[in-house]
mmCIF file of all heavy atoms, coordinates in Angstrom:
data_MODEL
# 
_entry.id   MODEL 
# 
loop_
_atom_site.group_PDB 
_atom_site.id 
_atom_site.type_symbol 
_atom_site.label_atom_id 
_atom_site.label_alt_id 
_atom_site.label_comp_id 
_atom_site.label_asym_id 
_atom_site.label_entity_id 
_atom_site.label_seq_id 
_atom_site.pdbx_PDB_ins_code 
_atom_site.Cartn_x 
_atom_site.Cartn_y 
_atom_site.Cartn_z 
_atom_site.occupancy 
_atom_site.B_iso_or_equiv 
_atom_site.pdbx_formal_charge 
_atom_site.auth_seq_id 
_atom_site.auth_comp_id 
_atom_site.auth_asym_id 
_atom_site.auth_atom_id 
_atom_site.pdbx_PDB_model_num 
ATOM 1   N N   . TYR A 1 1  ? -28.445 21.620 20.730 1.00 0.00 ? 1  TYR A N   1 
ATOM 2   C CA  . TYR A 1 1  ? -27.566 20.449 20.705 1.00 0.00 ? 1  TYR A CA  1 
ATOM 3   C C   . TYR A 1 1  ? -26.811 20.362 22.023 1.00 0.00 ? 1  TYR A C   1 
ATOM 4   O O   . TYR A 1 1  ? -26.040 21.245 22.351 1.00 0.00 ? 1  TYR A O   1 
ATOM 5   C CB  . TYR A 1 1  ? -26.589 20.605 19.528 1.00 0.00 ? 1  TYR A CB  1 
ATOM 6   C CG  . TYR A 1 1  ? -25.787 19.374 19.194 1.00 0.00 ? 1  TYR A CG  1 
ATOM 7   C CD1 . TYR A 1 1  ? -26.229 18.480 18.231 1.00 0.00 ? 1  TYR A CD1 1 
ATOM 8   C CD2 . TYR A 1 1  ? -24.566 19.111 19.825 1.00 0.00 ? 1  TYR A CD2 1 
ATOM 9   C CE1 . TYR A 1 1  ? -25.497 17.355 17.895 1.00 0.00 ? 1  TYR A CE1 1 
ATOM 10  C CE2 . TYR A 1 1  ? -23.825 17.991 19.502 1.00 0.00 ? 1  TYR A CE2 1 
ATOM 11  C CZ  . TYR A 1 1  ? -24.289 17.114 18.538 1.00 0.00 ? 1  TYR A CZ  1 
ATOM 12  O OH  . TYR A 1 1  ? -23.562 15.999 18.210 1.00 0.00 ? 1  TYR A OH  1 
ATOM 13  N N   . ARG A 1 2  ? -27.066 19.296 22.769 1.00 0.00 ? 2  ARG A N   1 
ATOM 14  C CA  . ARG A 1 2  ? -26.308 19.106 24.022 1.00 0.00 ? 2  ARG A CA  1 
ATOM 15  C C   . ARG A 1 2  ? -25.612 17.766 23.961 1.00 0.00 ? 2  ARG A C   1 
ATOM 16  O O   . ARG A 1 2  ? -26.258 16.741 23.798 1.00 0.00 ? 2  ARG A O   1 
ATOM 17  C CB  . ARG A 1 2  ? -27.254 19.151 25.214 1.00 0.00 ? 2  ARG A CB  1 
ATOM 18  C CG  . ARG A 1 2  ? -27.801 20.542 25.484 1.00 0.00 ? 2  ARG A CG  1 
ATOM 19  C CD  . ARG A 1 2  ? -28.280 20.628 26.932 1.00 0.00 ? 2  ARG A CD  1 
ATOM 20  N NE  . ARG A 1 2  ? -28.870 21.925 27.182 1.00 0.00 ? 2  ARG A NE  1 
ATOM 21  C CZ  . ARG A 1 2  ? -30.161 22.195 26.963 1.00 0.00 ? 2  ARG A CZ  1 
ATOM 22  N NH1 . ARG A 1 2  ? -30.952 21.250 26.496 1.00 0.00 ? 2  ARG A NH1 1 
ATOM 23  N NH2 . ARG A 1 2  ? -30.645 23.384 27.228 1.00 0.00 ? 2  ARG A NH2 1 
ATOM 24  N N   . LYS A 1 3  ? -24.310 17.808 24.117 1.00 0.00 ? 3  LYS A N   1 
ATOM 25  C CA  . LYS A 1 3  ? -23.518 16.576 23.994 1.00 0.00 ? 3  LYS A CA  1 
ATOM 26  C C   . LYS A 1 3  ? -24.026 15.440 24.891 1.00 0.00 ? 3  LYS A C   1 
ATOM 27  O O   . LYS A 1 3  ? -24.006 14.291 24.532 1.00 0.00 ? 3  LYS A O   1 
ATOM 28  C CB  . LYS A 1 3  ? -22.048 16.863 24.324 1.00 0.00 ? 3  LYS A CB  1 
ATOM 29  C CG  . LYS A 1 3  ? -21.334 17.568 23.175 1.00 0.00 ? 3  LYS A CG  1 
ATOM 30  C CD  . LYS A 1 3  ? -19.976 16.957 22.934 1.00 0.00 ? 3  LYS A CD  1 
ATOM 31  C CE  . LYS A 1 3  ? -19.273 17.342 21.657 1.00 0.00 ? 3  LYS A CE  1 
ATOM 32  N NZ  . LYS A 1 3  ? -19.676 18.477 20.912 1.00 0.00 ? 3  LYS A NZ  1 
ATOM 33  N N   . ARG A 1 4  ? -24.513 15.792 26.083 1.00 0.00 ? 4  ARG A N   1 
ATOM 34  C CA  . ARG A 1 4  ? -24.895 14.729 27.011 1.00 0.00 ? 4  ARG A CA  1 
ATOM 35  C C   . ARG A 1 4  ? -26.142 13.957 26.564 1.00 0.00 ? 4  ARG A C   1 
ATOM 36  O O   . ARG A 1 4  ? -26.471 12.933 27.123 1.00 0.00 ? 4  ARG A O   1 
ATOM 37  C CB  . ARG A 1 4  ? -25.095 15.290 28.422 1.00 0.00 ? 4  ARG A CB  1 
ATOM 38  C CG  . ARG A 1 4  ? -26.218 16.281 28.536 1.00 0.00 ? 4  ARG A CG  1 
ATOM 39  C CD  . ARG A 1 4  ? -26.281 16.877 29.953 1.00 0.00 ? 4  ARG A CD  1 
ATOM 40  N NE  . ARG A 1 4  ? -27.053 18.106 29.982 1.00 0.00 ? 4  ARG A NE  1 
ATOM 41  C CZ  . ARG A 1 4  ? -28.363 18.146 29.984 1.00 0.00 ? 4  ARG A CZ  1 
ATOM 42  N NH1 . ARG A 1 4  ? -29.063 17.040 29.916 1.00 0.00 ? 4  ARG A NH1 1 
ATOM 43  N NH2 . ARG A 1 4  ? -29.005 19.304 30.027 1.00 0.00 ? 4  ARG A NH2 1 
ATOM 44  N N   . LYS A 1 5  ? -26.849 14.495 25.575 1.00 0.00 ? 5  LYS A N   1 
ATOM 45  C CA  . LYS A 1 5  ? -28.048 13.748 25.172 1.00 0.00 ? 5  LYS A CA  1 
ATOM 46  C C   . LYS A 1 5  ? -28.030 13.322 23.703 1.00 0.00 ? 5  LYS A C   1 
ATOM 47  O O   . LYS A 1 5  ? -29.025 12.835 23.185 1.00 0.00 ? 5  LYS A O   1 
ATOM 48  C CB  . LYS A 1 5  ? -29.317 14.540 25.497 1.00 0.00 ? 5  LYS A CB  1 
ATOM 49  C CG  . LYS A 1 5  ? -29.439 15.866 24.793 1.00 0.00 ? 5  LYS A CG  1 
ATOM 50  C CD  . LYS A 1 5  ? -30.801 16.478 25.066 1.00 0.00 ? 5  LYS A CD  1 
ATOM 51  C CE  . LYS A 1 5  ? -31.004 17.670 24.141 1.00 0.00 ? 5  LYS A CE  1 
ATOM 52  N NZ  . LYS A 1 5  ? -32.314 18.282 24.286 1.00 0.00 ? 5  LYS A NZ  1 
ATOM 53  N N   . VAL A 1 6  ? -26.890 13.535 23.025 1.00 0.00 ? 6  VAL A N   1 
ATOM 54  C CA  . VAL A 1 6  ? -26.782 13.103 21.624 1.00 0.00 ? 6  VAL A CA  1 
ATOM 55  C C   . VAL A 1 6  ? -25.621 12.118 21.491 1.00 0.00 ? 6  VAL A C   1 
ATOM 56  O O   . VAL A 1 6  ? -24.500 12.409 21.897 1.00 0.00 ? 6  VAL A O   1 
ATOM 57  C CB  . VAL A 1 6  ? -26.574 14.304 20.672 1.00 0.00 ? 6  VAL A CB  1 
ATOM 58  C CG1 . VAL A 1 6  ? -26.473 13.832 19.227 1.00 0.00 ? 6  VAL A CG1 1 
ATOM 59  C CG2 . VAL A 1 6  ? -27.734 15.297 20.794 1.00 0.00 ? 6  VAL A CG2 1 
ATOM 60  N N   . PHE A 1 7  ? -25.912 10.954 20.936 1.00 0.00 ? 7  PHE A N   1 
ATOM 61  C CA  . PHE A 1 7  ? -24.898 9.906  20.773 1.00 0.00 ? 7  PHE A CA  1 
ATOM 62  C C   . PHE A 1 7  ? -24.853 9.507  19.304 1.00 0.00 ? 7  PHE A C   1 
ATOM 63  O O   . PHE A 1 7  ? -25.887 9.533  18.633 1.00 0.00 ? 7  PHE A O   1 
ATOM 64  C CB  . PHE A 1 7  ? -25.257 8.677  21.631 1.00 0.00 ? 7  PHE A CB  1 
ATOM 65  C CG  . PHE A 1 7  ? -25.520 9.024  23.066 1.00 0.00 ? 7  PHE A CG  1 
ATOM 66  C CD1 . PHE A 1 7  ? -26.798 9.413  23.473 1.00 0.00 ? 7  PHE A CD1 1 
ATOM 67  C CD2 . PHE A 1 7  ? -24.497 8.994  24.001 1.00 0.00 ? 7  PHE A CD2 1 
ATOM 68  C CE1 . PHE A 1 7  ? -27.044 9.763  24.806 1.00 0.00 ? 7  PHE A CE1 1 
ATOM 69  C CE2 . PHE A 1 7  ? -24.737 9.334  25.336 1.00 0.00 ? 7  PHE A CE2 1 
ATOM 70  C CZ  . PHE A 1 7  ? -26.017 9.721  25.736 1.00 0.00 ? 7  PHE A CZ  1 
ATOM 71  N N   . PHE A 1 8  ? -23.663 9.160  18.814 1.00 0.00 ? 8  PHE A N   1 
ATOM 72  C CA  . PHE A 1 8  ? -23.611 8.788  17.396 1.00 0.00 ? 8  PHE A CA  1 
ATOM 73  C C   . PHE A 1 8  ? -22.592 7.694  17.121 1.00 0.00 ? 8  PHE A C   1 
ATOM 74  O O   . PHE A 1 8  ? -21.641 7.495  17.876 1.00 0.00 ? 8  PHE A O   1 
ATOM 75  C CB  . PHE A 1 8  ? -23.322 10.003 16.502 1.00 0.00 ? 8  PHE A CB  1 
ATOM 76  C CG  . PHE A 1 8  ? -22.109 10.797 16.905 1.00 0.00 ? 8  PHE A CG  1 
ATOM 77  C CD1 . PHE A 1 8  ? -20.841 10.422 16.479 1.00 0.00 ? 8  PHE A CD1 1 
ATOM 78  C CD2 . PHE A 1 8  ? -22.238 11.919 17.712 1.00 0.00 ? 8  PHE A CD2 1 
ATOM 79  C CE1 . PHE A 1 8  ? -19.720 11.153 16.851 1.00 0.00 ? 8  PHE A CE1 1 
ATOM 80  C CE2 . PHE A 1 8  ? -21.121 12.654 18.100 1.00 0.00 ? 8  PHE A CE2 1 
ATOM 81  C CZ  . PHE A 1 8  ? -19.860 12.274 17.658 1.00 0.00 ? 8  PHE A CZ  1 
ATOM 82  N N   . GLY A 1 9  ? -22.826 6.978  16.016 1.00 0.00 ? 9  GLY A N   1 
ATOM 83  C CA  . GLY A 1 9  ? -21.908 5.935  15.569 1.00 0.00 ? 9  GLY A CA  1 
ATOM 84  C C   . GLY A 1 9  ? -20.961 6.514  14.529 1.00 0.00 ? 9  GLY A C   1 
ATOM 85  O O   . GLY A 1 9  ? -21.016 7.701  14.208 1.00 0.00 ? 9  GLY A O   1 
ATOM 86  N N   . THR A 1 10 ? -20.096 5.670  13.982 1.00 0.00 ? 10 THR A N   1 
ATOM 87  C CA  . THR A 1 10 ? -19.113 6.175  13.018 1.00 0.00 ? 10 THR A CA  1 
ATOM 88  C C   . THR A 1 10 ? -19.297 5.590  11.619 1.00 0.00 ? 10 THR A C   1 
ATOM 89  O O   . THR A 1 10 ? -18.868 6.179  10.643 1.00 0.00 ? 10 THR A O   1 
ATOM 90  C CB  . THR A 1 10 ? -17.677 5.854  13.491 1.00 0.00 ? 10 THR A CB  1 
ATOM 91  O OG1 . THR A 1 10 ? -17.633 4.463  13.821 1.00 0.00 ? 10 THR A OG1 1 
ATOM 92  C CG2 . THR A 1 10 ? -17.293 6.668  14.705 1.00 0.00 ? 10 THR A CG2 1 
ATOM 93  N N   . THR A 1 11 ? -19.958 4.434  11.521 1.00 0.00 ? 11 THR A N   1 
ATOM 94  C CA  . THR A 1 11 ? -19.982 3.762  10.212 1.00 0.00 ? 11 THR A CA  1 
ATOM 95  C C   . THR A 1 11 ? -21.228 4.061  9.381  1.00 0.00 ? 11 THR A C   1 
ATOM 96  O O   . THR A 1 11 ? -21.277 3.760  8.204  1.00 0.00 ? 11 THR A O   1 
ATOM 97  C CB  . THR A 1 11 ? -19.906 2.226  10.382 1.00 0.00 ? 11 THR A CB  1 
ATOM 98  O OG1 . THR A 1 11 ? -21.075 1.814  11.118 1.00 0.00 ? 11 THR A OG1 1 
ATOM 99  C CG2 . THR A 1 11 ? -18.664 1.804  11.113 1.00 0.00 ? 11 THR A CG2 1 
ATOM 100 N N   . GLY A 1 12 ? -22.277 4.634  10.032 1.00 0.00 ? 12 GLY A N   1 
ATOM 101 C CA  . GLY A 1 12 ? -23.513 4.864  9.284  1.00 0.00 ? 12 GLY A CA  1 
ATOM 102 C C   . GLY A 1 12 ? -24.431 3.647  9.339  1.00 0.00 ? 12 GLY A C   1 
ATOM 103 O O   . GLY A 1 12 ? -25.521 3.662  8.792  1.00 0.00 ? 12 GLY A O   1 
ATOM 104 N N   . LYS A 1 13 ? -23.965 2.596  10.023 1.00 0.00 ? 13 LYS A N   1 
ATOM 105 C CA  . LYS A 1 13 ? -24.793 1.384  10.160 1.00 0.00 ? 13 LYS A CA  1 
ATOM 106 C C   . LYS A 1 13 ? -25.298 1.294  11.602 1.00 0.00 ? 13 LYS A C   1 
ATOM 107 O O   . LYS A 1 13 ? -24.561 1.604  12.535 1.00 0.00 ? 13 LYS A O   1 
ATOM 108 C CB  . LYS A 1 13 ? -23.980 0.126  9.828  1.00 0.00 ? 13 LYS A CB  1 
ATOM 109 C CG  . LYS A 1 13 ? -23.613 0.005  8.361  1.00 0.00 ? 13 LYS A CG  1 
ATOM 110 C CD  . LYS A 1 13 ? -23.189 -1.425 8.057  1.00 0.00 ? 13 LYS A CD  1 
ATOM 111 C CE  . LYS A 1 13 ? -23.001 -1.644 6.562  1.00 0.00 ? 13 LYS A CE  1 
ATOM 112 N NZ  . LYS A 1 13 ? -21.699 -1.195 6.079  1.00 0.00 ? 13 LYS A NZ  1 
ATOM 113 N N   . ILE A 1 14 ? -26.523 0.846  11.742 1.00 0.00 ? 14 ILE A N   1 
ATOM 114 C CA  . ILE A 1 14 ? -27.106 0.800  13.091 1.00 0.00 ? 14 ILE A CA  1 
ATOM 115 C C   . ILE A 1 14 ? -26.374 -0.194 14.000 1.00 0.00 ? 14 ILE A C   1 
ATOM 116 O O   . ILE A 1 14 ? -26.289 0.004  15.206 1.00 0.00 ? 14 ILE A O   1 
ATOM 117 C CB  . ILE A 1 14 ? -28.631 0.537  13.028 1.00 0.00 ? 14 ILE A CB  1 
ATOM 118 C CG1 . ILE A 1 14 ? -29.283 0.931  14.358 1.00 0.00 ? 14 ILE A CG1 1 
ATOM 119 C CG2 . ILE A 1 14 ? -28.939 -0.889 12.629 1.00 0.00 ? 14 ILE A CG2 1 
ATOM 120 C CD1 . ILE A 1 14 ? -30.700 1.391  14.262 1.00 0.00 ? 14 ILE A CD1 1 
ATOM 121 N N   . ASP A 1 15 ? -25.763 -1.240 13.398 1.00 0.00 ? 15 ASP A N   1 
ATOM 122 C CA  . ASP A 1 15 ? -25.006 -2.241 14.189 1.00 0.00 ? 15 ASP A CA  1 
ATOM 123 C C   . ASP A 1 15 ? -23.956 -1.556 15.065 1.00 0.00 ? 15 ASP A C   1 
ATOM 124 O O   . ASP A 1 15 ? -23.695 -1.960 16.192 1.00 0.00 ? 15 ASP A O   1 
ATOM 125 C CB  . ASP A 1 15 ? -24.246 -3.236 13.297 1.00 0.00 ? 15 ASP A CB  1 
ATOM 126 C CG  . ASP A 1 15 ? -24.875 -3.492 11.962 1.00 0.00 ? 15 ASP A CG  1 
ATOM 127 O OD1 . ASP A 1 15 ? -25.514 -2.573 11.418 1.00 0.00 ? 15 ASP A OD1 1 
ATOM 128 O OD2 . ASP A 1 15 ? -24.721 -4.605 11.452 1.00 0.00 ? 15 ASP A OD2 1 
ATOM 129 N N   . ASP A 1 16 ? -23.352 -0.500 14.503 1.00 0.00 ? 16 ASP A N   1 
ATOM 130 C CA  . ASP A 1 16 ? -22.258 0.209  15.153 1.00 0.00 ? 16 ASP A CA  1 
ATOM 131 C C   . ASP A 1 16 ? -22.768 1.044  16.339 1.00 0.00 ? 16 ASP A C   1 
ATOM 132 O O   . ASP A 1 16 ? -22.029 1.378  17.252 1.00 0.00 ? 16 ASP A O   1 
ATOM 133 C CB  . ASP A 1 16 ? -21.610 1.110  14.092 1.00 0.00 ? 16 ASP A CB  1 
ATOM 134 C CG  . ASP A 1 16 ? -20.461 1.921  14.647 1.00 0.00 ? 16 ASP A CG  1 
ATOM 135 O OD1 . ASP A 1 16 ? -19.619 1.325  15.329 1.00 0.00 ? 16 ASP A OD1 1 
ATOM 136 O OD2 . ASP A 1 16 ? -20.409 3.144  14.409 1.00 0.00 ? 16 ASP A OD2 1 
ATOM 137 N N   . LEU A 1 17 ? -24.061 1.386  16.302 1.00 0.00 ? 17 LEU A N   1 
ATOM 138 C CA  . LEU A 1 17 ? -24.666 2.238  17.330 1.00 0.00 ? 17 LEU A CA  1 
ATOM 139 C C   . LEU A 1 17 ? -25.173 1.405  18.509 1.00 0.00 ? 17 LEU A C   1 
ATOM 140 O O   . LEU A 1 17 ? -25.318 1.905  19.621 1.00 0.00 ? 17 LEU A O   1 
ATOM 141 C CB  . LEU A 1 17 ? -25.837 2.993  16.677 1.00 0.00 ? 17 LEU A CB  1 
ATOM 142 C CG  . LEU A 1 17 ? -26.486 4.164  17.386 1.00 0.00 ? 17 LEU A CG  1 
ATOM 143 C CD1 . LEU A 1 17 ? -25.458 5.234  17.709 1.00 0.00 ? 17 LEU A CD1 1 
ATOM 144 C CD2 . LEU A 1 17 ? -27.597 4.749  16.519 1.00 0.00 ? 17 LEU A CD2 1 
ATOM 145 N N   . ILE A 1 18 ? -25.424 0.121  18.251 1.00 0.00 ? 18 ILE A N   1 
ATOM 146 C CA  . ILE A 1 18 ? -26.052 -0.730 19.267 1.00 0.00 ? 18 ILE A CA  1 
ATOM 147 C C   . ILE A 1 18 ? -25.255 -0.843 20.574 1.00 0.00 ? 18 ILE A C   1 
ATOM 148 O O   . ILE A 1 18 ? -25.833 -0.725 21.648 1.00 0.00 ? 18 ILE A O   1 
ATOM 149 C CB  . ILE A 1 18 ? -26.462 -2.095 18.660 1.00 0.00 ? 18 ILE A CB  1 
ATOM 150 C CG1 . ILE A 1 18 ? -27.690 -1.835 17.791 1.00 0.00 ? 18 ILE A CG1 1 
ATOM 151 C CG2 . ILE A 1 18 ? -26.753 -3.132 19.735 1.00 0.00 ? 18 ILE A CG2 1 
ATOM 152 C CD1 . ILE A 1 18 ? -28.234 -2.988 17.026 1.00 0.00 ? 18 ILE A CD1 1 
ATOM 153 N N   . PRO A 1 19 ? -23.897 -1.005 20.549 1.00 0.00 ? 19 PRO A N   1 
ATOM 154 C CA  . PRO A 1 19 ? -23.166 -1.050 21.824 1.00 0.00 ? 19 PRO A CA  1 
ATOM 155 C C   . PRO A 1 19 ? -23.436 0.180  22.700 1.00 0.00 ? 19 PRO A C   1 
ATOM 156 O O   . PRO A 1 19 ? -23.562 0.071  23.922 1.00 0.00 ? 19 PRO A O   1 
ATOM 157 C CB  . PRO A 1 19 ? -21.693 -1.110 21.393 1.00 0.00 ? 19 PRO A CB  1 
ATOM 158 C CG  . PRO A 1 19 ? -21.738 -1.709 20.019 1.00 0.00 ? 19 PRO A CG  1 
ATOM 159 C CD  . PRO A 1 19 ? -23.001 -1.216 19.393 1.00 0.00 ? 19 PRO A CD  1 
ATOM 160 N N   . THR A 1 20 ? -23.544 1.368  22.081 1.00 0.00 ? 20 THR A N   1 
ATOM 161 C CA  . THR A 1 20 ? -23.840 2.602  22.836 1.00 0.00 ? 20 THR A CA  1 
ATOM 162 C C   . THR A 1 20 ? -25.257 2.531  23.413 1.00 0.00 ? 20 THR A C   1 
ATOM 163 O O   . THR A 1 20 ? -25.490 2.925  24.558 1.00 0.00 ? 20 THR A O   1 
ATOM 164 C CB  . THR A 1 20 ? -23.721 3.840  21.909 1.00 0.00 ? 20 THR A CB  1 
ATOM 165 O OG1 . THR A 1 20 ? -22.491 3.764  21.201 1.00 0.00 ? 20 THR A OG1 1 
ATOM 166 C CG2 . THR A 1 20 ? -23.780 5.139  22.683 1.00 0.00 ? 20 THR A CG2 1 
ATOM 167 N N   . MET A 1 21 ? -26.192 2.014  22.609 1.00 0.00 ? 21 MET A N   1 
ATOM 168 C CA  . MET A 1 21 ? -27.577 1.900  23.080 1.00 0.00 ? 21 MET A CA  1 
ATOM 169 C C   . MET A 1 21 ? -27.673 0.925  24.255 1.00 0.00 ? 21 MET A C   1 
ATOM 170 O O   . MET A 1 21 ? -28.437 1.141  25.192 1.00 0.00 ? 21 MET A O   1 
ATOM 171 C CB  . MET A 1 21 ? -28.486 1.455  21.928 1.00 0.00 ? 21 MET A CB  1 
ATOM 172 C CG  . MET A 1 21 ? -28.655 2.531  20.863 1.00 0.00 ? 21 MET A CG  1 
ATOM 173 S SD  . MET A 1 21 ? -29.449 1.908  19.350 1.00 0.00 ? 21 MET A SD  1 
ATOM 174 C CE  . MET A 1 21 ? -31.129 1.643  19.907 1.00 0.00 ? 21 MET A CE  1 
ATOM 175 N N   . VAL A 1 22 ? -26.865 -0.131 24.201 1.00 0.00 ? 22 VAL A N   1 
ATOM 176 C CA  . VAL A 1 22 ? -26.868 -1.140 25.277 1.00 0.00 ? 22 VAL A CA  1 
ATOM 177 C C   . VAL A 1 22 ? -26.392 -0.518 26.595 1.00 0.00 ? 22 VAL A C   1 
ATOM 178 O O   . VAL A 1 22 ? -26.876 -0.854 27.676 1.00 0.00 ? 22 VAL A O   1 
ATOM 179 C CB  . VAL A 1 22 ? -26.018 -2.371 24.870 1.00 0.00 ? 22 VAL A CB  1 
ATOM 180 C CG1 . VAL A 1 22 ? -25.801 -3.313 26.054 1.00 0.00 ? 22 VAL A CG1 1 
ATOM 181 C CG2 . VAL A 1 22 ? -26.692 -3.121 23.725 1.00 0.00 ? 22 VAL A CG2 1 
ATOM 182 N N   . LYS A 1 23 ? -25.458 0.447  26.491 1.00 0.00 ? 23 LYS A N   1 
ATOM 183 C CA  . LYS A 1 23 ? -24.970 1.141  27.699 1.00 0.00 ? 23 LYS A CA  1 
ATOM 184 C C   . LYS A 1 23 ? -26.091 1.951  28.347 1.00 0.00 ? 23 LYS A C   1 
ATOM 185 O O   . LYS A 1 23 ? -26.006 2.345  29.501 1.00 0.00 ? 23 LYS A O   1 
ATOM 186 C CB  . LYS A 1 23 ? -23.803 2.080  27.337 1.00 0.00 ? 23 LYS A CB  1 
ATOM 187 C CG  . LYS A 1 23 ? -22.498 1.351  27.106 1.00 0.00 ? 23 LYS A CG  1 
ATOM 188 C CD  . LYS A 1 23 ? -21.400 2.334  26.747 1.00 0.00 ? 23 LYS A CD  1 
ATOM 189 C CE  . LYS A 1 23 ? -20.146 1.620  26.267 1.00 0.00 ? 23 LYS A CE  1 
ATOM 190 N NZ  . LYS A 1 23 ? -19.233 2.533  25.552 1.00 0.00 ? 23 LYS A NZ  1 
ATOM 191 N N   . HIS A 1 24 ? -27.129 2.255  27.548 1.00 0.00 ? 24 HIS A N   1 
ATOM 192 C CA  . HIS A 1 24 ? -28.282 3.022  28.051 1.00 0.00 ? 24 HIS A CA  1 
ATOM 193 C C   . HIS A 1 24 ? -29.516 2.121  28.022 1.00 0.00 ? 24 HIS A C   1 
ATOM 194 O O   . HIS A 1 24 ? -30.547 2.486  27.472 1.00 0.00 ? 24 HIS A O   1 
ATOM 195 C CB  . HIS A 1 24 ? -28.500 4.265  27.177 1.00 0.00 ? 24 HIS A CB  1 
ATOM 196 C CG  . HIS A 1 24 ? -27.347 5.219  27.213 1.00 0.00 ? 24 HIS A CG  1 
ATOM 197 N ND1 . HIS A 1 24 ? -27.302 6.311  28.043 1.00 0.00 ? 24 HIS A ND1 1 
ATOM 198 C CD2 . HIS A 1 24 ? -26.171 5.223  26.521 1.00 0.00 ? 24 HIS A CD2 1 
ATOM 199 C CE1 . HIS A 1 24 ? -26.147 6.951  27.862 1.00 0.00 ? 24 HIS A CE1 1 
ATOM 200 N NE2 . HIS A 1 24 ? -25.447 6.315  26.947 1.00 0.00 ? 24 HIS A NE2 1 
ATOM 201 N N   . LYS A 1 25 ? -29.364 0.963  28.611 1.00 0.00 ? 25 LYS A N   1 
ATOM 202 C CA  . LYS A 1 25 ? -30.391 -0.085 28.556 1.00 0.00 ? 25 LYS A CA  1 
ATOM 203 C C   . LYS A 1 25 ? -31.736 0.359  29.132 1.00 0.00 ? 25 LYS A C   1 
ATOM 204 O O   . LYS A 1 25 ? -32.787 -0.168 28.776 1.00 0.00 ? 25 LYS A O   1 
ATOM 205 C CB  . LYS A 1 25 ? -29.890 -1.323 29.314 1.00 0.00 ? 25 LYS A CB  1 
ATOM 206 C CG  . LYS A 1 25 ? -30.092 -2.602 28.528 1.00 0.00 ? 25 LYS A CG  1 
ATOM 207 C CD  . LYS A 1 25 ? -29.602 -3.813 29.287 1.00 0.00 ? 25 LYS A CD  1 
ATOM 208 C CE  . LYS A 1 25 ? -30.070 -5.086 28.634 1.00 0.00 ? 25 LYS A CE  1 
ATOM 209 N NZ  . LYS A 1 25 ? -29.382 -5.480 27.428 1.00 0.00 ? 25 LYS A NZ  1 
ATOM 210 N N   . GLN A 1 26 ? -31.688 1.355  30.052 1.00 0.00 ? 26 GLN A N   1 
ATOM 211 C CA  . GLN A 1 26 ? -32.922 1.794  30.711 1.00 0.00 ? 26 GLN A CA  1 
ATOM 212 C C   . GLN A 1 26 ? -33.823 2.627  29.792 1.00 0.00 ? 26 GLN A C   1 
ATOM 213 O O   . GLN A 1 26 ? -35.002 2.813  30.063 1.00 0.00 ? 26 GLN A O   1 
ATOM 214 C CB  . GLN A 1 26 ? -32.591 2.577  31.996 1.00 0.00 ? 26 GLN A CB  1 
ATOM 215 C CG  . GLN A 1 26 ? -32.041 3.993  31.809 1.00 0.00 ? 26 GLN A CG  1 
ATOM 216 C CD  . GLN A 1 26 ? -30.596 4.066  31.301 1.00 0.00 ? 26 GLN A CD  1 
ATOM 217 O OE1 . GLN A 1 26 ? -29.940 3.045  31.075 1.00 0.00 ? 26 GLN A OE1 1 
ATOM 218 N NE2 . GLN A 1 26 ? -30.098 5.274  31.098 1.00 0.00 ? 26 GLN A NE2 1 
ATOM 219 N N   . GLU A 1 27 ? -33.255 3.125  28.682 1.00 0.00 ? 27 GLU A N   1 
ATOM 220 C CA  . GLU A 1 27 ? -34.043 3.987  27.782 1.00 0.00 ? 27 GLU A CA  1 
ATOM 221 C C   . GLU A 1 27 ? -35.122 3.197  27.037 1.00 0.00 ? 27 GLU A C   1 
ATOM 222 O O   . GLU A 1 27 ? -34.973 2.007  26.779 1.00 0.00 ? 27 GLU A O   1 
ATOM 223 C CB  . GLU A 1 27 ? -33.132 4.665  26.735 1.00 0.00 ? 27 GLU A CB  1 
ATOM 224 C CG  . GLU A 1 27 ? -31.985 5.473  27.292 1.00 0.00 ? 27 GLU A CG  1 
ATOM 225 C CD  . GLU A 1 27 ? -32.401 6.663  28.142 1.00 0.00 ? 27 GLU A CD  1 
ATOM 226 O OE1 . GLU A 1 27 ? -33.581 7.089  28.098 1.00 0.00 ? 27 GLU A OE1 1 
ATOM 227 O OE2 . GLU A 1 27 ? -31.535 7.170  28.882 1.00 0.00 ? 27 GLU A OE2 1 
# 
């Protein structure tokens, strides 16, 4: 487990995770 490569949301819904994914648009 490395913090720099694991990201998570708080609500359990994918909608909540999308802003973080957008910050990593190149992935």
